[in-house]
Amino acid sequence: MSASFDKQAIIKEYALSEGDTGSPEVQVALLTYFLLTELTTSLSTSRLTRATTTAEEDFS
């Protein structure tokens, strides 16, 4: 995982009971947060993605 995030805080917020780490709510929250963080990082570091270069070519 290249993105750093507070895994324990997410688990605490979405856990259904004390010590819950395997419920669907916790797993989806962790996965969603991780994926959105990775996507944000990727898009902020890659100025030109395939979609933007294709769009720029269409308008030239």
PDB file of N, CA and C in Angstrom:
ATOM      1  N   MET A   1       0.847  -1.184   0.000  1.00  0.00           N
ATOM      2  CA  MET A   1       0.000   0.000   0.000  1.00  0.00           C
ATOM      3  C   MET A   1       0.884   1.237   0.000  1.00  0.00           C
ATOM      4  N   SER A   2       0.791   2.006  -1.017  1.00  0.00           N
ATOM      5  CA  SER A   2       1.613   3.202  -1.059  1.00  0.00           C
ATOM      6  C   SER A   2       0.947   4.376  -0.346  1.00  0.00           C
ATOM      7  N   ALA A   3      -0.349   4.371  -0.294  1.00  0.00           N
ATOM      8  CA  ALA A   3      -1.054   5.447   0.410  1.00  0.00           C
ATOM      9  C   ALA A   3      -1.090   5.141   1.895  1.00  0.00           C
ATOM     10  N   SER A   4      -0.817   6.152   2.693  1.00  0.00           N
ATOM     11  CA  SER A   4      -0.875   5.924   4.133  1.00  0.00           C
ATOM     12  C   SER A   4      -2.212   6.440   4.662  1.00  0.00           C
ATOM     13  N   PHE A   5      -2.819   5.666   5.514  1.00  0.00           N
ATOM     14  CA  PHE A   5      -4.068   6.078   6.128  1.00  0.00           C
ATOM     15  C   PHE A   5      -4.189   5.406   7.480  1.00  0.00           C
ATOM     16  N   ASP A   6      -5.035   5.960   8.315  1.00  0.00           N
ATOM     17  CA  ASP A   6      -5.197   5.443   9.664  1.00  0.00           C
ATOM     18  C   ASP A   6      -6.219   4.305   9.657  1.00  0.00           C
ATOM     19  N   LYS A   7      -5.715   3.112   9.458  1.00  0.00           N
ATOM     20  CA  LYS A   7      -6.558   1.929   9.357  1.00  0.00           C
ATOM     21  C   LYS A   7      -7.371   1.711  10.628  1.00  0.00           C
ATOM     22  N   GLN A   8      -6.756   1.912  11.776  1.00  0.00           N
ATOM     23  CA  GLN A   8      -7.449   1.697  13.050  1.00  0.00           C
ATOM     24  C   GLN A   8      -8.617   2.655  13.233  1.00  0.00           C
ATOM     25  N   ALA A   9      -8.469   3.898  12.779  1.00  0.00           N
ATOM     26  CA  ALA A   9      -9.560   4.872  12.894  1.00  0.00           C
ATOM     27  C   ALA A   9     -10.746   4.470  12.027  1.00  0.00           C
ATOM     28  N   ILE A  10     -10.476   3.955  10.847  1.00  0.00           N
ATOM     29  CA  ILE A  10     -11.550   3.509   9.959  1.00  0.00           C
ATOM     30  C   ILE A  10     -12.250   2.297  10.558  1.00  0.00           C
ATOM     31  N   ILE A  11     -11.469   1.362  11.074  1.00  0.00           N
ATOM     32  CA  ILE A  11     -12.057   0.172  11.702  1.00  0.00           C
ATOM     33  C   ILE A  11     -12.927   0.577  12.887  1.00  0.00           C
ATOM     34  N   LYS A  12     -12.427   1.485  13.711  1.00  0.00           N
ATOM     35  CA  LYS A  12     -13.185   1.931  14.885  1.00  0.00           C
ATOM     36  C   LYS A  12     -14.494   2.603  14.481  1.00  0.00           C
ATOM     37  N   GLU A  13     -14.458   3.403  13.414  1.00  0.00           N
ATOM     38  CA  GLU A  13     -15.661   4.127  12.979  1.00  0.00           C
ATOM     39  C   GLU A  13     -16.730   3.197  12.419  1.00  0.00           C
ATOM     40  N   TYR A  14     -16.337   2.149  11.691  1.00  0.00           N
ATOM     41  CA  TYR A  14     -17.311   1.303  10.999  1.00  0.00           C
ATOM     42  C   TYR A  14     -17.562  -0.048  11.662  1.00  0.00           C
ATOM     43  N   ALA A  15     -16.849  -0.359  12.738  1.00  0.00           N
ATOM     44  CA  ALA A  15     -17.034  -1.644  13.421  1.00  0.00           C
ATOM     45  C   ALA A  15     -18.426  -1.722  14.041  1.00  0.00           C
ATOM     46  N   LEU A  16     -19.016  -2.902  13.934  1.00  0.00           N
ATOM     47  CA  LEU A  16     -20.337  -3.112  14.513  1.00  0.00           C
ATOM     48  C   LEU A  16     -20.258  -3.409  16.006  1.00  0.00           C
ATOM     49  N   SER A  17     -19.115  -3.960  16.440  1.00  0.00           N
ATOM     50  CA  SER A  17     -18.894  -4.237  17.857  1.00  0.00           C
ATOM     51  C   SER A  17     -17.392  -4.141  18.136  1.00  0.00           C
ATOM     52  N   GLU A  18     -17.023  -4.159  19.395  1.00  0.00           N
ATOM     53  CA  GLU A  18     -15.615  -4.079  19.793  1.00  0.00           C
ATOM     54  C   GLU A  18     -14.827  -5.237  19.176  1.00  0.00           C
ATOM     55  N   GLY A  19     -13.722  -4.937  18.544  1.00  0.00           N
ATOM     56  CA  GLY A  19     -12.877  -5.965  17.944  1.00  0.00           C
ATOM     57  C   GLY A  19     -13.316  -6.437  16.575  1.00  0.00           C
ATOM     58  N   ASP A  20     -14.351  -5.837  16.026  1.00  0.00           N
ATOM     59  CA  ASP A  20     -14.866  -6.224  14.712  1.00  0.00           C
ATOM     60  C   ASP A  20     -13.948  -5.683  13.618  1.00  0.00           C
ATOM     61  N   THR A  21     -13.346  -6.581  12.852  1.00  0.00           N
ATOM     62  CA  THR A  21     -12.528  -6.171  11.714  1.00  0.00           C
ATOM     63  C   THR A  21     -12.940  -6.883  10.438  1.00  0.00           C
ATOM     64  N   GLY A  22     -13.836  -7.839  10.539  1.00  0.00           N
ATOM     65  CA  GLY A  22     -14.183  -8.650   9.384  1.00  0.00           C
ATOM     66  C   GLY A  22     -15.566  -8.435   8.825  1.00  0.00           C
ATOM     67  N   SER A  23     -16.356  -7.556   9.428  1.00  0.00           N
ATOM     68  CA  SER A  23     -17.706  -7.355   8.908  1.00  0.00           C
ATOM     69  C   SER A  23     -17.645  -6.670   7.546  1.00  0.00           C
ATOM     70  N   PRO A  24     -18.654  -6.871   6.734  1.00  0.00           N
ATOM     71  CA  PRO A  24     -18.664  -6.235   5.420  1.00  0.00           C
ATOM     72  C   PRO A  24     -18.537  -4.706   5.494  1.00  0.00           C
ATOM     73  N   GLU A  25     -19.134  -4.108   6.520  1.00  0.00           N
ATOM     74  CA  GLU A  25     -19.072  -2.650   6.665  1.00  0.00           C
ATOM     75  C   GLU A  25     -17.629  -2.170   6.814  1.00  0.00           C
ATOM     76  N   VAL A  26     -16.862  -2.863   7.641  1.00  0.00           N
ATOM     77  CA  VAL A  26     -15.461  -2.497   7.872  1.00  0.00           C
ATOM     78  C   VAL A  26     -14.639  -2.757   6.616  1.00  0.00           C
ATOM     79  N   GLN A  27     -14.828  -3.906   6.001  1.00  0.00           N
ATOM     80  CA  GLN A  27     -14.050  -4.266   4.818  1.00  0.00           C
ATOM     81  C   GLN A  27     -14.311  -3.315   3.657  1.00  0.00           C
ATOM     82  N   VAL A  28     -15.574  -2.956   3.433  1.00  0.00           N
ATOM     83  CA  VAL A  28     -15.918  -2.029   2.356  1.00  0.00           C
ATOM     84  C   VAL A  28     -15.360  -0.636   2.648  1.00  0.00           C
ATOM     85  N   ALA A  29     -15.443  -0.211   3.882  1.00  0.00           N
ATOM     86  CA  ALA A  29     -14.899   1.105   4.253  1.00  0.00           C
ATOM     87  C   ALA A  29     -13.400   1.168   4.009  1.00  0.00           C
ATOM     88  N   LEU A  30     -12.671   0.128   4.424  1.00  0.00           N
ATOM     89  CA  LEU A  30     -11.222   0.099   4.209  1.00  0.00           C
ATOM     90  C   LEU A  30     -10.874   0.076   2.729  1.00  0.00           C
ATOM     91  N   LEU A  31     -11.534  -0.779   1.982  1.00  0.00           N
ATOM     92  CA  LEU A  31     -11.260  -0.898   0.554  1.00  0.00           C
ATOM     93  C   LEU A  31     -11.598   0.389  -0.185  1.00  0.00           C
ATOM     94  N   THR A  32     -12.748   0.970   0.123  1.00  0.00           N
ATOM     95  CA  THR A  32     -13.158   2.210  -0.532  1.00  0.00           C
ATOM     96  C   THR A  32     -12.189   3.334  -0.230  1.00  0.00           C
ATOM     97  N   TYR A  33     -11.819   3.493   1.023  1.00  0.00           N
ATOM     98  CA  TYR A  33     -10.890   4.553   1.392  1.00  0.00           C
ATOM     99  C   TYR A  33      -9.551   4.366   0.699  1.00  0.00           C
ATOM    100  N   PHE A  34      -9.049   3.127   0.687  1.00  0.00           N
ATOM    101  CA  PHE A  34      -7.777   2.844   0.043  1.00  0.00           C
ATOM    102  C   PHE A  34      -7.842   3.135  -1.453  1.00  0.00           C
ATOM    103  N   LEU A  35      -8.885   2.659  -2.123  1.00  0.00           N
ATOM    104  CA  LEU A  35      -8.997   2.863  -3.567  1.00  0.00           C
ATOM    105  C   LEU A  35      -9.138   4.338  -3.925  1.00  0.00           C
ATOM    106  N   LEU A  36      -9.928   5.068  -3.164  1.00  0.00           N
ATOM    107  CA  LEU A  36     -10.083   6.497  -3.447  1.00  0.00           C
ATOM    108  C   LEU A  36      -8.787   7.263  -3.198  1.00  0.00           C
ATOM    109  N   THR A  37      -8.058   6.871  -2.174  1.00  0.00           N
ATOM    110  CA  THR A  37      -6.770   7.507  -1.896  1.00  0.00           C
ATOM    111  C   THR A  37      -5.777   7.222  -3.016  1.00  0.00           C
ATOM    112  N   GLU A  38      -5.734   5.985  -3.472  1.00  0.00           N
ATOM    113  CA  GLU A  38      -4.840   5.619  -4.568  1.00  0.00           C
ATOM    114  C   GLU A  38      -5.222   6.350  -5.849  1.00  0.00           C
ATOM    115  N   LEU A  39      -6.503   6.433  -6.141  1.00  0.00           N
ATOM    116  CA  LEU A  39      -6.970   7.124  -7.339  1.00  0.00           C
ATOM    117  C   LEU A  39      -6.616   8.599  -7.293  1.00  0.00           C
ATOM    118  N   THR A  40      -6.834   9.231  -6.166  1.00  0.00           N
ATOM    119  CA  THR A  40      -6.505  10.643  -6.001  1.00  0.00           C
ATOM    120  C   THR A  40      -5.013  10.871  -6.180  1.00  0.00           C
ATOM    121  N   THR A  41      -4.213  10.018  -5.578  1.00  0.00           N
ATOM    122  CA  THR A  41      -2.759  10.127  -5.704  1.00  0.00           C
ATOM    123  C   THR A  41      -2.328   9.939  -7.147  1.00  0.00           C
ATOM    124  N   SER A  42      -2.878   8.951  -7.791  1.00  0.00           N
ATOM    125  CA  SER A  42      -2.520   8.662  -9.177  1.00  0.00           C
ATOM    126  C   SER A  42      -2.891   9.814 -10.106  1.00  0.00           C
ATOM    127  N   LEU A  43      -4.087  10.342  -9.933  1.00  0.00           N
ATOM    128  CA  LEU A  43      -4.533  11.430 -10.798  1.00  0.00           C
ATOM    129  C   LEU A  43      -3.773  12.728 -10.536  1.00  0.00           C
ATOM    130  N   SER A  44      -3.355  12.937  -9.304  1.00  0.00           N
ATOM    131  CA  SER A  44      -2.620  14.164  -9.008  1.00  0.00           C
ATOM    132  C   SER A  44      -1.183  14.098  -9.507  1.00  0.00           C
ATOM    133  N   THR A  45      -0.627  12.907  -9.636  1.00  0.00           N
ATOM    134  CA  THR A  45       0.745  12.779 -10.130  1.00  0.00           C
ATOM    135  C   THR A  45       0.812  12.595 -11.637  1.00  0.00           C
ATOM    136  N   SER A  46      -0.252  12.140 -12.256  1.00  0.00           N
ATOM    137  CA  SER A  46      -0.282  11.926 -13.702  1.00  0.00           C
ATOM    138  C   SER A  46      -1.086  13.040 -14.357  1.00  0.00           C
ATOM    139  N   ARG A  47      -0.381  14.044 -14.839  1.00  0.00           N
ATOM    140  CA  ARG A  47      -1.068  15.186 -15.446  1.00  0.00           C
ATOM    141  C   ARG A  47      -1.863  14.754 -16.670  1.00  0.00           C
ATOM    142  N   LEU A  48      -1.250  13.951 -17.499  1.00  0.00           N
ATOM    143  CA  LEU A  48      -1.929  13.510 -18.715  1.00  0.00           C
ATOM    144  C   LEU A  48      -2.236  12.023 -18.628  1.00  0.00           C
ATOM    145  N   THR A  49      -3.474  11.721 -18.471  1.00  0.00           N
ATOM    146  CA  THR A  49      -3.904  10.328 -18.489  1.00  0.00           C
ATOM    147  C   THR A  49      -4.387  10.012 -19.895  1.00  0.00           C
ATOM    148  N   ARG A  50      -4.692   8.786 -20.155  1.00  0.00           N
ATOM    149  CA  ARG A  50      -5.162   8.399 -21.486  1.00  0.00           C
ATOM    150  C   ARG A  50      -6.417   9.167 -21.853  1.00  0.00           C
ATOM    151  N   ALA A  51      -7.317   9.366 -20.932  1.00  0.00           N
ATOM    152  CA  ALA A  51      -8.564  10.078 -21.221  1.00  0.00           C
ATOM    153  C   ALA A  51      -8.291  11.539 -21.589  1.00  0.00           C
ATOM    154  N   THR A  52      -7.391  12.189 -20.890  1.00  0.00           N
ATOM    155  CA  THR A  52      -7.135  13.588 -21.202  1.00  0.00           C
ATOM    156  C   THR A  52      -6.372  13.739 -22.501  1.00  0.00           C
ATOM    157  N   THR A  53      -5.460  12.826 -22.789  1.00  0.00           N
ATOM    158  CA  THR A  53      -4.735  12.937 -24.055  1.00  0.00           C
ATOM    159  C   THR A  53      -5.652  12.642 -25.234  1.00  0.00           C
ATOM    160  N   THR A  54      -6.564  11.697 -25.076  1.00  0.00           N
ATOM    161  CA  THR A  54      -7.527  11.396 -26.132  1.00  0.00           C
ATOM    162  C   THR A  54      -8.444  12.582 -26.364  1.00  0.00           C
ATOM    163  N   ALA A  55      -8.912  13.198 -25.296  1.00  0.00           N
ATOM    164  CA  ALA A  55      -9.795  14.362 -25.427  1.00  0.00           C
ATOM    165  C   ALA A  55      -9.060  15.516 -26.095  1.00  0.00           C
ATOM    166  N   GLU A  56      -7.803  15.731 -25.737  1.00  0.00           N
ATOM    167  CA  GLU A  56      -7.028  16.808 -26.345  1.00  0.00           C
ATOM    168  C   GLU A  56      -6.818  16.561 -27.827  1.00  0.00           C
ATOM    169  N   GLU A  57      -6.614  15.305 -28.235  1.00  0.00           N
ATOM    170  CA  GLU A  57      -6.443  14.983 -29.636  1.00  0.00           C
ATOM    171  C   GLU A  57      -7.735  15.204 -30.412  1.00  0.00           C
ATOM    172  N   ASP A  58      -8.867  14.921 -29.795  1.00  0.00           N
ATOM    173  CA  ASP A  58     -10.161  15.098 -30.451  1.00  0.00           C
ATOM    174  C   ASP A  58     -10.436  16.562 -30.742  1.00  0.00           C
ATOM    175  N   PHE A  59      -9.974  17.457 -29.879  1.00  0.00           N
ATOM    176  CA  PHE A  59     -10.263  18.873 -30.039  1.00  0.00           C
ATOM    177  C   PHE A  59      -9.206  19.613 -30.855  1.00  0.00           C
ATOM    178  N   SER A  60      -8.115  18.949 -31.235  1.00  0.00           N
ATOM    179  CA  SER A  60      -7.085  19.633 -32.005  1.00  0.00           C
ATOM    180  C   SER A  60      -7.384  19.619 -33.477  1.00  0.00           C
TER     181      SER A  60
END
